[in-house]
C-alpha cells in the first residue's frame, strides 16, 4: 500500500433517492439576489488571496503555539464531537455503531453523514449548518473505514479489518430502518494492493446499491486534497503546520500548490458528473478548500490540521458556504 495512503487513512459515491429533486443543479449557485456576493464566493476569494501571501500572517487561528498537538487541541475539546468523542470509533476491533444525533430529535428532515475521517472532519460544519437550517444531522463514522465496502478492506497497519465490514453493514441497516432524507458519504479511495478504476467503481457501486431501497437522496463527497502525495522543494512530505512553520517567509511553498497535483487520481476519475451511478450526485466540498490551487492557510485560519484533514476552525468558517452548496440538492425536501 502506498505510504501516504496508509498514513492518511489513520484519521479515518454513487448514491440513490426518493422524491429527491436533484435536477440540473449548478454547484455554488444560490438564491441570493443578483449582484450580491455569496458566502461561497467569499470563501473562494479568501482562498485565492492566500495564494498571494508572501509570509505567514501575524495573527493566525489557531495560535502557532498550539500547532504541536492539533489533533487534541482542534477536535478533542469539541463539545459535540471531536476525535476523543464517543461519536468517533477508531478502534480496529470495534464494529459498534456510535450514533450521534444533532438538532431537533423530532425534525422531519434528516441528513445522515457517514464514512471515515474524511466524513468526520466535516462534522463541525454540518452541525453548524443544521443549527440554522432546521435539519437534524446524524453522524455514523469510523476511523479508516470508508463507506464503500471492499473485499480486501485493511486497517492502517495493513492488517485485516473485518470490523469495518461489519460497521458498513450496520450503517446500511440503520439507513434502511430510519429512512433519512439524504445520505452524505465521504471517504478515501478503497485501498487494495493494486487499486484500480474498476475496483473503485465496483466498491462505490455496491455502496449505492445497498441503500437505494431506503429512498434516501445520496450525495457523494468529492475527494479532498491530500498533501501526503506531494513532494515539496525540500523533497519531503510535510504536514500543513510543519510546512507553514518551516516556510513562514515563503508562503508560496505551502499555498501555491495546484489542485491537480494533490487530488486522488482514482477517485477523481470515478467521481464525476458523467459516471455517477443511478441518481446519486456529487457534492463538491473541495470548493471549500481549493480553486485552481489548494492553500494550507486562508484568511488567517489553518485549513488543515495535518496533511488531509480539515481543521475545526476552517470547518466552522465555511459552514454557511456548505449550506449554499447543499441548498440545490435539498430544495423541496
C-alpha atoms as a PDB file:
ATOM      1  CA  UNK A   1       0.000   0.000   0.000  1.00  0.00           C
ATOM      2  CA  UNK A   2       1.281   3.488  -0.748  1.00  0.00           C
ATOM      3  CA  UNK A   3       2.728   5.019   2.412  1.00  0.00           C
ATOM      4  CA  UNK A   4       0.824   8.282   2.069  1.00  0.00           C
ATOM      5  CA  UNK A   5      -2.463   6.451   1.633  1.00  0.00           C
ATOM      6  CA  UNK A   6      -1.784   4.332   4.682  1.00  0.00           C
ATOM      7  CA  UNK A   7      -0.962   7.381   6.798  1.00  0.00           C
ATOM      8  CA  UNK A   8      -3.960   9.379   5.678  1.00  0.00           C
ATOM      9  CA  UNK A   9      -6.354   6.543   6.455  1.00  0.00           C
ATOM     10  CA  UNK A  10      -5.460   6.639  10.129  1.00  0.00           C
ATOM     11  CA  UNK A  11      -7.858   9.530  10.755  1.00  0.00           C
ATOM     12  CA  UNK A  12     -10.020   7.882   9.409  1.00  0.00           C
ATOM     13  CA  UNK A  13     -20.007   7.966  -4.463  1.00  0.00           C
ATOM     14  CA  UNK A  14     -22.534   6.961  -6.443  1.00  0.00           C
ATOM     15  CA  UNK A  15     -25.928   7.254  -4.494  1.00  0.00           C
ATOM     16  CA  UNK A  16     -29.907   6.817  -4.649  1.00  0.00           C
ATOM     17  CA  UNK A  17     -33.283   8.577  -3.966  1.00  0.00           C
ATOM     18  CA  UNK A  18     -36.863   9.118  -3.120  1.00  0.00           C
ATOM     19  CA  UNK A  19     -38.544  12.386  -4.071  1.00  0.00           C
ATOM     20  CA  UNK A  20     -35.049  13.796  -4.206  1.00  0.00           C
ATOM     21  CA  UNK A  21     -35.147  16.697  -6.626  1.00  0.00           C
ATOM     22  CA  UNK A  22     -31.587  16.979  -7.850  1.00  0.00           C
ATOM     23  CA  UNK A  23     -32.217  18.041 -11.409  1.00  0.00           C
ATOM     24  CA  UNK A  24     -29.606  20.013 -13.312  1.00  0.00           C
ATOM     25  CA  UNK A  25     -28.032  21.973 -10.488  1.00  0.00           C
ATOM     26  CA  UNK A  26     -25.007  24.200 -10.660  1.00  0.00           C
ATOM     27  CA  UNK A  27     -22.884  23.931  -7.544  1.00  0.00           C
ATOM     28  CA  UNK A  28     -22.250  27.168  -5.766  1.00  0.00           C
ATOM     29  CA  UNK A  29     -25.268  28.979  -7.176  1.00  0.00           C
ATOM     30  CA  UNK A  30     -27.781  30.159  -4.620  1.00  0.00           C
ATOM     31  CA  UNK A  31     -30.968  32.121  -4.437  1.00  0.00           C
ATOM     32  CA  UNK A  32     -29.091  35.205  -3.358  1.00  0.00           C
ATOM     33  CA  UNK A  33     -30.075  38.438  -5.012  1.00  0.00           C
ATOM     34  CA  UNK A  34     -28.382  39.123  -8.318  1.00  0.00           C
ATOM     35  CA  UNK A  35     -25.189  41.063  -7.803  1.00  0.00           C
ATOM     36  CA  UNK A  36     -24.747  40.036  -4.168  1.00  0.00           C
ATOM     37  CA  UNK A  37     -21.700  38.059  -3.083  1.00  0.00           C
ATOM     38  CA  UNK A  38     -22.458  34.588  -1.777  1.00  0.00           C
ATOM     39  CA  UNK A  39     -20.594  33.104   1.142  1.00  0.00           C
ATOM     40  CA  UNK A  40     -19.085  30.523  -1.194  1.00  0.00           C
ATOM     41  CA  UNK A  41     -17.756  33.282  -3.438  1.00  0.00           C
ATOM     42  CA  UNK A  42     -16.273  34.939  -0.360  1.00  0.00           C
ATOM     43  CA  UNK A  43     -14.524  31.691   0.590  1.00  0.00           C
ATOM     44  CA  UNK A  44     -13.193  31.340  -2.941  1.00  0.00           C
ATOM     45  CA  UNK A  45     -11.849  34.896  -2.759  1.00  0.00           C
ATOM     46  CA  UNK A  46     -10.107  34.107   0.521  1.00  0.00           C
ATOM     47  CA  UNK A  47      -8.526  31.010  -0.987  1.00  0.00           C
ATOM     48  CA  UNK A  48      -7.285  32.999  -3.963  1.00  0.00           C
ATOM     49  CA  UNK A  49      -5.910  35.790  -1.774  1.00  0.00           C
ATOM     50  CA  UNK A  50      -3.992  33.254   0.278  1.00  0.00           C
ATOM     51  CA  UNK A  51      -2.034  32.128  -2.780  1.00  0.00           C
ATOM     52  CA  UNK A  52      -0.603  35.658  -2.984  1.00  0.00           C
ATOM     53  CA  UNK A  53       0.736  35.681   0.580  1.00  0.00           C
ATOM     54  CA  UNK A  54       4.469  36.186   0.917  1.00  0.00           C
ATOM     55  CA  UNK A  55       4.743  35.438   4.636  1.00  0.00           C
ATOM     56  CA  UNK A  56       2.750  33.812   7.418  1.00  0.00           C
ATOM     57  CA  UNK A  57       0.146  36.237   8.820  1.00  0.00           C
ATOM     58  CA  UNK A  58       0.897  37.684  12.251  1.00  0.00           C
ATOM     59  CA  UNK A  59      -2.494  36.641  13.587  1.00  0.00           C
ATOM     60  CA  UNK A  60      -3.412  33.028  12.880  1.00  0.00           C
ATOM     61  CA  UNK A  61      -6.114  30.686  14.104  1.00  0.00           C
ATOM     62  CA  UNK A  62      -5.284  28.541  15.985  1.00  0.00           C
ATOM     63  CA  UNK A  63      -2.254  30.212  17.535  1.00  0.00           C
ATOM     64  CA  UNK A  64       1.100  28.842  16.383  1.00  0.00           C
ATOM     65  CA  UNK A  65       1.948  27.668  19.917  1.00  0.00           C
ATOM     66  CA  UNK A  66      -0.982  25.253  19.625  1.00  0.00           C
ATOM     67  CA  UNK A  67       0.281  23.634  16.413  1.00  0.00           C
ATOM     68  CA  UNK A  68       2.261  20.946  18.220  1.00  0.00           C
ATOM     69  CA  UNK A  69      -0.811  18.839  19.028  1.00  0.00           C
ATOM     70  CA  UNK A  70      -3.581  19.975  16.733  1.00  0.00           C
ATOM     71  CA  UNK A  71      -5.407  16.669  16.839  1.00  0.00           C
ATOM     72  CA  UNK A  72      -6.132  17.102  20.546  1.00  0.00           C
ATOM     73  CA  UNK A  73      -6.426  20.882  20.504  1.00  0.00           C
ATOM     74  CA  UNK A  74      -8.559  21.115  17.406  1.00  0.00           C
ATOM     75  CA  UNK A  75     -11.017  18.305  17.984  1.00  0.00           C
ATOM     76  CA  UNK A  76     -10.514  16.928  21.463  1.00  0.00           C
ATOM     77  CA  UNK A  77     -12.265  19.874  23.076  1.00  0.00           C
ATOM     78  CA  UNK A  78     -15.233  19.994  20.708  1.00  0.00           C
ATOM     79  CA  UNK A  79     -18.301  19.574  22.897  1.00  0.00           C
ATOM     80  CA  UNK A  80     -20.457  17.861  20.282  1.00  0.00           C
ATOM     81  CA  UNK A  81     -17.778  15.740  18.706  1.00  0.00           C
ATOM     82  CA  UNK A  82     -14.032  15.595  18.469  1.00  0.00           C
ATOM     83  CA  UNK A  83     -11.522  12.824  17.910  1.00  0.00           C
ATOM     84  CA  UNK A  84     -11.997  11.779  21.549  1.00  0.00           C
ATOM     85  CA  UNK A  85     -15.763  11.702  21.292  1.00  0.00           C
ATOM     86  CA  UNK A  86     -17.909   8.606  21.699  1.00  0.00           C
ATOM     87  CA  UNK A  87     -19.260   9.563  18.282  1.00  0.00           C
ATOM     88  CA  UNK A  88     -15.913   8.663  16.749  1.00  0.00           C
ATOM     89  CA  UNK A  89     -14.896   4.992  16.648  1.00  0.00           C
ATOM     90  CA  UNK A  90     -11.222   4.499  15.790  1.00  0.00           C
ATOM     91  CA  UNK A  91     -10.681   1.046  17.264  1.00  0.00           C
ATOM     92  CA  UNK A  92      -9.602  -1.673  14.838  1.00  0.00           C
ATOM     93  CA  UNK A  93     -11.614  -4.356  16.598  1.00  0.00           C
ATOM     94  CA  UNK A  94     -14.804  -2.433  17.321  1.00  0.00           C
ATOM     95  CA  UNK A  95     -17.791  -2.673  14.997  1.00  0.00           C
ATOM     96  CA  UNK A  96     -20.239  -0.787  17.195  1.00  0.00           C
ATOM     97  CA  UNK A  97     -22.355   1.951  15.697  1.00  0.00           C
ATOM     98  CA  UNK A  98     -21.970   5.052  17.868  1.00  0.00           C
ATOM     99  CA  UNK A  99     -24.858   7.228  16.737  1.00  0.00           C
ATOM    100  CA  UNK A 100     -24.589  10.973  17.176  1.00  0.00           C
ATOM    101  CA  UNK A 101     -27.723  12.983  16.551  1.00  0.00           C
ATOM    102  CA  UNK A 102     -27.536  16.767  16.353  1.00  0.00           C
ATOM    103  CA  UNK A 103     -30.517  19.072  16.337  1.00  0.00           C
ATOM    104  CA  UNK A 104     -34.213  18.652  16.975  1.00  0.00           C
ATOM    105  CA  UNK A 105     -34.879  14.965  17.635  1.00  0.00           C
ATOM    106  CA  UNK A 106     -38.337  15.367  16.130  1.00  0.00           C
ATOM    107  CA  UNK A 107     -37.193  17.140  12.970  1.00  0.00           C
ATOM    108  CA  UNK A 108     -38.785  15.640   9.860  1.00  0.00           C
ATOM    109  CA  UNK A 109     -35.788  16.302   7.619  1.00  0.00           C
ATOM    110  CA  UNK A 110     -32.697  14.246   8.390  1.00  0.00           C
ATOM    111  CA  UNK A 111     -29.224  14.290   6.833  1.00  0.00           C
ATOM    112  CA  UNK A 112     -27.015  11.299   7.618  1.00  0.00           C
ATOM    113  CA  UNK A 113     -23.243  11.761   7.295  1.00  0.00           C
ATOM    114  CA  UNK A 114     -21.213   8.553   7.048  1.00  0.00           C
ATOM    115  CA  UNK A 115     -17.716   7.391   6.180  1.00  0.00           C
ATOM    116  CA  UNK A 116     -14.198   7.511   7.582  1.00  0.00           C
ATOM    117  CA  UNK A 117     -12.265  10.512   8.914  1.00  0.00           C
ATOM    118  CA  UNK A 118     -12.868  12.273   5.601  1.00  0.00           C
ATOM    119  CA  UNK A 119     -16.524  12.397   6.633  1.00  0.00           C
ATOM    120  CA  UNK A 120     -15.895  13.056  10.328  1.00  0.00           C
ATOM    121  CA  UNK A 121     -13.769  16.139   9.647  1.00  0.00           C
ATOM    122  CA  UNK A 122     -16.848  17.847   8.155  1.00  0.00           C
ATOM    123  CA  UNK A 123     -18.956  17.131  11.255  1.00  0.00           C
ATOM    124  CA  UNK A 124     -18.459  20.636  12.766  1.00  0.00           C
ATOM    125  CA  UNK A 125     -19.584  22.276   9.506  1.00  0.00           C
ATOM    126  CA  UNK A 126     -22.705  20.109   9.202  1.00  0.00           C
ATOM    127  CA  UNK A 127     -23.506  20.644  12.887  1.00  0.00           C
ATOM    128  CA  UNK A 128     -23.202  24.431  12.479  1.00  0.00           C
ATOM    129  CA  UNK A 129     -25.290  24.331   9.289  1.00  0.00           C
ATOM    130  CA  UNK A 130     -28.148  22.373  10.873  1.00  0.00           C
ATOM    131  CA  UNK A 131     -28.448  24.973  13.669  1.00  0.00           C
ATOM    132  CA  UNK A 132     -29.948  27.440  11.202  1.00  0.00           C
ATOM    133  CA  UNK A 133     -31.431  25.035   8.663  1.00  0.00           C
ATOM    134  CA  UNK A 134     -33.982  23.162  10.730  1.00  0.00           C
ATOM    135  CA  UNK A 135     -32.483  19.809   9.732  1.00  0.00           C
ATOM    136  CA  UNK A 136     -31.433  17.002  12.034  1.00  0.00           C
ATOM    137  CA  UNK A 137     -27.944  15.626  11.382  1.00  0.00           C
ATOM    138  CA  UNK A 138     -26.929  12.058  12.208  1.00  0.00           C
ATOM    139  CA  UNK A 139     -23.243  11.063  12.102  1.00  0.00           C
ATOM    140  CA  UNK A 140     -22.101   7.444  11.640  1.00  0.00           C
ATOM    141  CA  UNK A 141     -18.341   7.323  11.132  1.00  0.00           C
ATOM    142  CA  UNK A 142     -15.424   5.001  11.861  1.00  0.00           C
ATOM    143  CA  UNK A 143     -11.674   5.527  11.579  1.00  0.00           C
ATOM    144  CA  UNK A 144     -10.034   4.108   8.437  1.00  0.00           C
ATOM    145  CA  UNK A 145     -13.376   2.636   7.364  1.00  0.00           C
ATOM    146  CA  UNK A 146     -14.578   4.085   4.079  1.00  0.00           C
ATOM    147  CA  UNK A 147     -18.322   3.932   3.377  1.00  0.00           C
ATOM    148  CA  UNK A 148     -17.741   1.823   0.254  1.00  0.00           C
ATOM    149  CA  UNK A 149     -17.164  -1.857   1.122  1.00  0.00           C
ATOM    150  CA  UNK A 150     -14.160  -3.708  -0.222  1.00  0.00           C
ATOM    151  CA  UNK A 151     -13.352  -7.410  -0.200  1.00  0.00           C
ATOM    152  CA  UNK A 152      -9.784  -6.634   0.900  1.00  0.00           C
ATOM    153  CA  UNK A 153     -10.510  -3.968   3.497  1.00  0.00           C
ATOM    154  CA  UNK A 154      -7.383  -3.196   5.511  1.00  0.00           C
ATOM    155  CA  UNK A 155      -6.626  -1.262   8.671  1.00  0.00           C
ATOM    156  CA  UNK A 156      -3.961   1.450   8.679  1.00  0.00           C
ATOM    157  CA  UNK A 157      -1.259  -1.078   9.547  1.00  0.00           C
ATOM    158  CA  UNK A 158      -2.178  -3.257   6.535  1.00  0.00           C
ATOM    159  CA  UNK A 159      -3.754  -5.942   8.734  1.00  0.00           C
ATOM    160  CA  UNK A 160      -7.203  -7.469   8.231  1.00  0.00           C
ATOM    161  CA  UNK A 161     -10.102  -5.222   9.180  1.00  0.00           C
ATOM    162  CA  UNK A 162     -13.304  -7.328   9.418  1.00  0.00           C
ATOM    163  CA  UNK A 163     -14.821  -4.889  11.917  1.00  0.00           C
ATOM    164  CA  UNK A 164     -15.049  -2.319   9.141  1.00  0.00           C
ATOM    165  CA  UNK A 165     -17.221  -4.585   7.002  1.00  0.00           C
ATOM    166  CA  UNK A 166     -19.492  -5.201   9.984  1.00  0.00           C
ATOM    167  CA  UNK A 167     -19.676  -1.465  10.627  1.00  0.00           C
ATOM    168  CA  UNK A 168     -20.580  -0.809   6.978  1.00  0.00           C
ATOM    169  CA  UNK A 169     -23.304  -3.457   7.155  1.00  0.00           C
ATOM    170  CA  UNK A 170     -24.680  -1.851  10.311  1.00  0.00           C
ATOM    171  CA  UNK A 171     -24.776   1.545   8.602  1.00  0.00           C
ATOM    172  CA  UNK A 172     -26.785   0.118   5.702  1.00  0.00           C
ATOM    173  CA  UNK A 173     -29.228  -1.487   8.144  1.00  0.00           C
ATOM    174  CA  UNK A 174     -29.557   1.789  10.017  1.00  0.00           C
ATOM    175  CA  UNK A 175     -30.296   3.704   6.812  1.00  0.00           C
ATOM    176  CA  UNK A 176     -32.948   1.192   5.750  1.00  0.00           C
ATOM    177  CA  UNK A 177     -34.552   1.275   9.187  1.00  0.00           C
ATOM    178  CA  UNK A 178     -34.628   5.056   9.704  1.00  0.00           C
ATOM    179  CA  UNK A 179     -35.220   6.433   6.176  1.00  0.00           C
ATOM    180  CA  UNK A 180     -33.116   9.623   6.292  1.00  0.00           C
ATOM    181  CA  UNK A 181     -33.919  12.276   3.705  1.00  0.00           C
ATOM    182  CA  UNK A 182     -30.332  12.441   2.489  1.00  0.00           C
ATOM    183  CA  UNK A 183     -27.191  10.344   2.949  1.00  0.00           C
ATOM    184  CA  UNK A 184     -23.851  12.126   2.551  1.00  0.00           C
ATOM    185  CA  UNK A 185     -20.916   9.724   2.136  1.00  0.00           C
ATOM    186  CA  UNK A 186     -17.246  10.645   2.255  1.00  0.00           C
ATOM    187  CA  UNK A 187     -14.134   8.519   2.360  1.00  0.00           C
ATOM    188  CA  UNK A 188     -10.739   7.762   0.943  1.00  0.00           C
ATOM    189  CA  UNK A 189     -10.159   5.539  -2.056  1.00  0.00           C
ATOM    190  CA  UNK A 190     -10.622   1.812  -1.367  1.00  0.00           C
ATOM    191  CA  UNK A 191      -7.098   0.618  -0.660  1.00  0.00           C
ATOM    192  CA  UNK A 192      -6.087  -2.736  -2.047  1.00  0.00           C
ATOM    193  CA  UNK A 193      -2.643  -3.970  -3.122  1.00  0.00           C
ATOM    194  CA  UNK A 194      -3.335  -2.687  -6.609  1.00  0.00           C
ATOM    195  CA  UNK A 195      -6.001  -0.026  -6.620  1.00  0.00           C
ATOM    196  CA  UNK A 196      -7.727   0.318  -9.975  1.00  0.00           C
ATOM    197  CA  UNK A 197     -10.508   2.324 -11.568  1.00  0.00           C
ATOM    198  CA  UNK A 198     -12.663  -0.789 -11.836  1.00  0.00           C
ATOM    199  CA  UNK A 199     -12.145  -1.603  -8.138  1.00  0.00           C
ATOM    200  CA  UNK A 200     -13.225   1.880  -7.075  1.00  0.00           C
ATOM    201  CA  UNK A 201     -16.248   1.727  -9.383  1.00  0.00           C
ATOM    202  CA  UNK A 202     -17.270  -1.683  -8.039  1.00  0.00           C
ATOM    203  CA  UNK A 203     -16.941  -0.717  -4.388  1.00  0.00           C
ATOM    204  CA  UNK A 204     -18.823   2.559  -4.725  1.00  0.00           C
ATOM    205  CA  UNK A 205     -21.492   0.901  -6.847  1.00  0.00           C
ATOM    206  CA  UNK A 206     -22.020  -1.655  -4.089  1.00  0.00           C
ATOM    207  CA  UNK A 207     -22.463   1.115  -1.539  1.00  0.00           C
ATOM    208  CA  UNK A 208     -25.020   2.977  -3.646  1.00  0.00           C
ATOM    209  CA  UNK A 209     -26.962  -0.146  -4.495  1.00  0.00           C
ATOM    210  CA  UNK A 210     -27.055  -1.239  -0.851  1.00  0.00           C
ATOM    211  CA  UNK A 211     -29.042   1.812   0.282  1.00  0.00           C
ATOM    212  CA  UNK A 212     -31.082   2.555  -2.846  1.00  0.00           C
ATOM    213  CA  UNK A 213     -34.207   0.933  -1.446  1.00  0.00           C
ATOM    214  CA  UNK A 214     -34.221   3.346   1.507  1.00  0.00           C
ATOM    215  CA  UNK A 215     -35.325   6.085  -0.859  1.00  0.00           C
ATOM    216  CA  UNK A 216     -32.731   8.472   0.563  1.00  0.00           C
ATOM    217  CA  UNK A 217     -31.095  11.013  -1.655  1.00  0.00           C
ATOM    218  CA  UNK A 218     -27.413  10.168  -1.977  1.00  0.00           C
ATOM    219  CA  UNK A 219     -24.591  12.681  -2.160  1.00  0.00           C
ATOM    220  CA  UNK A 220     -21.023  11.509  -2.534  1.00  0.00           C
ATOM    221  CA  UNK A 221     -18.392  13.980  -1.393  1.00  0.00           C
ATOM    222  CA  UNK A 222     -15.772  14.765  -3.998  1.00  0.00           C
ATOM    223  CA  UNK A 223     -12.377  13.690  -2.629  1.00  0.00           C
ATOM    224  CA  UNK A 224     -10.461  16.278  -0.648  1.00  0.00           C
ATOM    225  CA  UNK A 225      -6.844  17.151  -1.423  1.00  0.00           C
ATOM    226  CA  UNK A 226      -4.111  15.162   0.270  1.00  0.00           C
ATOM    227  CA  UNK A 227      -0.661  16.656   0.725  1.00  0.00           C
ATOM    228  CA  UNK A 228       0.743  13.241   1.661  1.00  0.00           C
ATOM    229  CA  UNK A 229       1.308  12.614  -2.033  1.00  0.00           C
ATOM    230  CA  UNK A 230       3.053  15.892  -2.755  1.00  0.00           C
ATOM    231  CA  UNK A 231       6.802  16.496  -2.897  1.00  0.00           C
ATOM    232  CA  UNK A 232       7.866  19.932  -1.763  1.00  0.00           C
ATOM    233  CA  UNK A 233      11.035  21.675  -2.889  1.00  0.00           C
ATOM    234  CA  UNK A 234      12.722  20.150   0.174  1.00  0.00           C
ATOM    235  CA  UNK A 235      11.879  16.744  -1.340  1.00  0.00           C
ATOM    236  CA  UNK A 236       9.929  15.695   1.728  1.00  0.00           C
ATOM    237  CA  UNK A 237       6.278  15.280   2.562  1.00  0.00           C
ATOM    238  CA  UNK A 238       5.219  17.841   5.133  1.00  0.00           C
ATOM    239  CA  UNK A 239       2.057  18.301   7.128  1.00  0.00           C
ATOM    240  CA  UNK A 240       0.315  21.641   6.886  1.00  0.00           C
ATOM    241  CA  UNK A 241       1.569  23.092  10.209  1.00  0.00           C
ATOM    242  CA  UNK A 242       5.124  21.915   9.532  1.00  0.00           C
ATOM    243  CA  UNK A 243       5.207  23.425   6.066  1.00  0.00           C
ATOM    244  CA  UNK A 244       3.836  26.771   7.241  1.00  0.00           C
ATOM    245  CA  UNK A 245       6.250  26.942  10.168  1.00  0.00           C
ATOM    246  CA  UNK A 246       9.237  25.906   8.074  1.00  0.00           C
ATOM    247  CA  UNK A 247       8.451  28.310   5.241  1.00  0.00           C
ATOM    248  CA  UNK A 248       6.981  31.241   7.181  1.00  0.00           C
ATOM    249  CA  UNK A 249       8.664  33.704   4.815  1.00  0.00           C
ATOM    250  CA  UNK A 250       7.983  31.655   1.683  1.00  0.00           C
ATOM    251  CA  UNK A 251       4.237  31.078   1.731  1.00  0.00           C
ATOM    252  CA  UNK A 252       4.167  30.113  -1.927  1.00  0.00           C
ATOM    253  CA  UNK A 253       5.745  26.775  -0.977  1.00  0.00           C
ATOM    254  CA  UNK A 254       2.649  25.876   1.050  1.00  0.00           C
ATOM    255  CA  UNK A 255      -0.108  27.931  -0.564  1.00  0.00           C
ATOM    256  CA  UNK A 256       0.685  27.817  -4.258  1.00  0.00           C
ATOM    257  CA  UNK A 257       0.028  24.128  -4.869  1.00  0.00           C
ATOM    258  CA  UNK A 258      -2.016  23.131  -7.900  1.00  0.00           C
ATOM    259  CA  UNK A 259      -5.235  21.262  -7.158  1.00  0.00           C
ATOM    260  CA  UNK A 260      -4.428  18.701  -9.834  1.00  0.00           C
ATOM    261  CA  UNK A 261      -1.276  17.597  -8.012  1.00  0.00           C
ATOM    262  CA  UNK A 262      -2.951  16.551  -4.773  1.00  0.00           C
ATOM    263  CA  UNK A 263      -6.344  15.107  -5.724  1.00  0.00           C
ATOM    264  CA  UNK A 264      -6.615  11.321  -5.740  1.00  0.00           C
ATOM    265  CA  UNK A 265      -6.491  10.090  -9.337  1.00  0.00           C
ATOM    266  CA  UNK A 266      -8.757   7.068  -8.941  1.00  0.00           C
ATOM    267  CA  UNK A 267     -11.467   8.870  -7.003  1.00  0.00           C
ATOM    268  CA  UNK A 268     -11.394  11.849  -9.341  1.00  0.00           C
ATOM    269  CA  UNK A 269     -11.885   9.619 -12.381  1.00  0.00           C
ATOM    270  CA  UNK A 270     -14.772   7.698 -10.856  1.00  0.00           C
ATOM    271  CA  UNK A 271     -16.444  10.607  -9.078  1.00  0.00           C
ATOM    272  CA  UNK A 272     -17.515  12.927 -11.832  1.00  0.00           C
ATOM    273  CA  UNK A 273     -20.882  14.114 -13.075  1.00  0.00           C
ATOM    274  CA  UNK A 274     -20.859  11.835 -16.118  1.00  0.00           C
ATOM    275  CA  UNK A 275     -20.212   8.474 -14.472  1.00  0.00           C
ATOM    276  CA  UNK A 276     -22.025   8.548 -11.118  1.00  0.00           C
ATOM    277  CA  UNK A 277     -24.251   5.554 -10.535  1.00  0.00           C
ATOM    278  CA  UNK A 278     -28.025   5.943 -10.822  1.00  0.00           C
ATOM    279  CA  UNK A 279     -29.393   9.121  -9.322  1.00  0.00           C
ATOM    280  CA  UNK A 280     -26.526   9.712  -6.947  1.00  0.00           C
ATOM    281  CA  UNK A 281     -24.950  13.143  -7.091  1.00  0.00           C
ATOM    282  CA  UNK A 282     -21.544  14.647  -6.444  1.00  0.00           C
ATOM    283  CA  UNK A 283     -21.131  17.041  -3.518  1.00  0.00           C
ATOM    284  CA  UNK A 284     -18.143  19.219  -4.353  1.00  0.00           C
ATOM    285  CA  UNK A 285     -16.922  20.222  -0.923  1.00  0.00           C
ATOM    286  CA  UNK A 286     -13.487  20.641  -2.447  1.00  0.00           C
ATOM    287  CA  UNK A 287     -14.806  24.099  -3.412  1.00  0.00           C
ATOM    288  CA  UNK A 288     -14.403  24.971   0.248  1.00  0.00           C
ATOM    289  CA  UNK A 289     -10.709  24.042   0.124  1.00  0.00           C
ATOM    290  CA  UNK A 290      -9.445  24.848  -3.353  1.00  0.00           C
ATOM    291  CA  UNK A 291      -9.977  26.826  -6.518  1.00  0.00           C
ATOM    292  CA  UNK A 292      -7.248  26.132  -9.025  1.00  0.00           C
ATOM    293  CA  UNK A 293      -4.874  25.839  -6.072  1.00  0.00           C
ATOM    294  CA  UNK A 294      -5.220  24.414  -2.573  1.00  0.00           C
ATOM    295  CA  UNK A 295      -3.648  26.667   0.088  1.00  0.00           C
ATOM    296  CA  UNK A 296      -2.815  25.434   3.577  1.00  0.00           C
ATOM    297  CA  UNK A 297      -3.877  28.633   5.333  1.00  0.00           C
ATOM    298  CA  UNK A 298      -6.517  31.148   4.297  1.00  0.00           C
ATOM    299  CA  UNK A 299      -7.999  34.223   5.960  1.00  0.00           C
ATOM    300  CA  UNK A 300      -5.515  33.621   8.778  1.00  0.00           C
ATOM    301  CA  UNK A 301      -7.024  30.210   9.549  1.00  0.00           C
ATOM    302  CA  UNK A 302      -5.366  26.816   9.169  1.00  0.00           C
ATOM    303  CA  UNK A 303      -7.298  24.921   6.521  1.00  0.00           C
ATOM    304  CA  UNK A 304      -5.912  21.562   7.711  1.00  0.00           C
ATOM    305  CA  UNK A 305      -4.637  20.106  10.979  1.00  0.00           C
ATOM    306  CA  UNK A 306      -2.300  17.704   9.174  1.00  0.00           C
ATOM    307  CA  UNK A 307      -1.997  16.826   5.516  1.00  0.00           C
ATOM    308  CA  UNK A 308      -5.567  15.954   4.575  1.00  0.00           C
ATOM    309  CA  UNK A 309      -7.941  16.651   7.461  1.00  0.00           C
ATOM    310  CA  UNK A 310      -9.852  19.914   7.622  1.00  0.00           C
ATOM    311  CA  UNK A 311      -9.395  21.919  10.808  1.00  0.00           C
ATOM    312  CA  UNK A 312     -12.301  22.571  13.154  1.00  0.00           C
ATOM    313  CA  UNK A 313     -11.860  26.332  12.739  1.00  0.00           C
ATOM    314  CA  UNK A 314     -11.981  26.133   8.947  1.00  0.00           C
ATOM    315  CA  UNK A 315     -14.966  23.759   9.002  1.00  0.00           C
ATOM    316  CA  UNK A 316     -16.890  26.266  11.120  1.00  0.00           C
ATOM    317  CA  UNK A 317     -15.700  29.129   8.924  1.00  0.00           C
ATOM    318  CA  UNK A 318     -17.136  27.542   5.766  1.00  0.00           C
ATOM    319  CA  UNK A 319     -20.381  26.197   7.279  1.00  0.00           C
ATOM    320  CA  UNK A 320     -22.555  28.871   5.637  1.00  0.00           C
ATOM    321  CA  UNK A 321     -20.948  28.147   2.270  1.00  0.00           C
ATOM    322  CA  UNK A 322     -21.633  24.458   2.875  1.00  0.00           C
ATOM    323  CA  UNK A 323     -25.287  25.376   3.215  1.00  0.00           C
ATOM    324  CA  UNK A 324     -25.182  27.153  -0.135  1.00  0.00           C
ATOM    325  CA  UNK A 325     -23.677  24.091  -1.792  1.00  0.00           C
ATOM    326  CA  UNK A 326     -26.287  21.834  -0.222  1.00  0.00           C
ATOM    327  CA  UNK A 327     -29.272  24.084  -0.989  1.00  0.00           C
ATOM    328  CA  UNK A 328     -29.978  22.986  -4.595  1.00  0.00           C
ATOM    329  CA  UNK A 329     -29.974  19.330  -3.588  1.00  0.00           C
ATOM    330  CA  UNK A 330     -32.231  19.792  -0.579  1.00  0.00           C
ATOM    331  CA  UNK A 331     -34.791  22.040  -2.232  1.00  0.00           C
ATOM    332  CA  UNK A 332     -38.294  20.693  -1.817  1.00  0.00           C
ATOM    333  CA  UNK A 333     -37.449  18.164   0.890  1.00  0.00           C
END
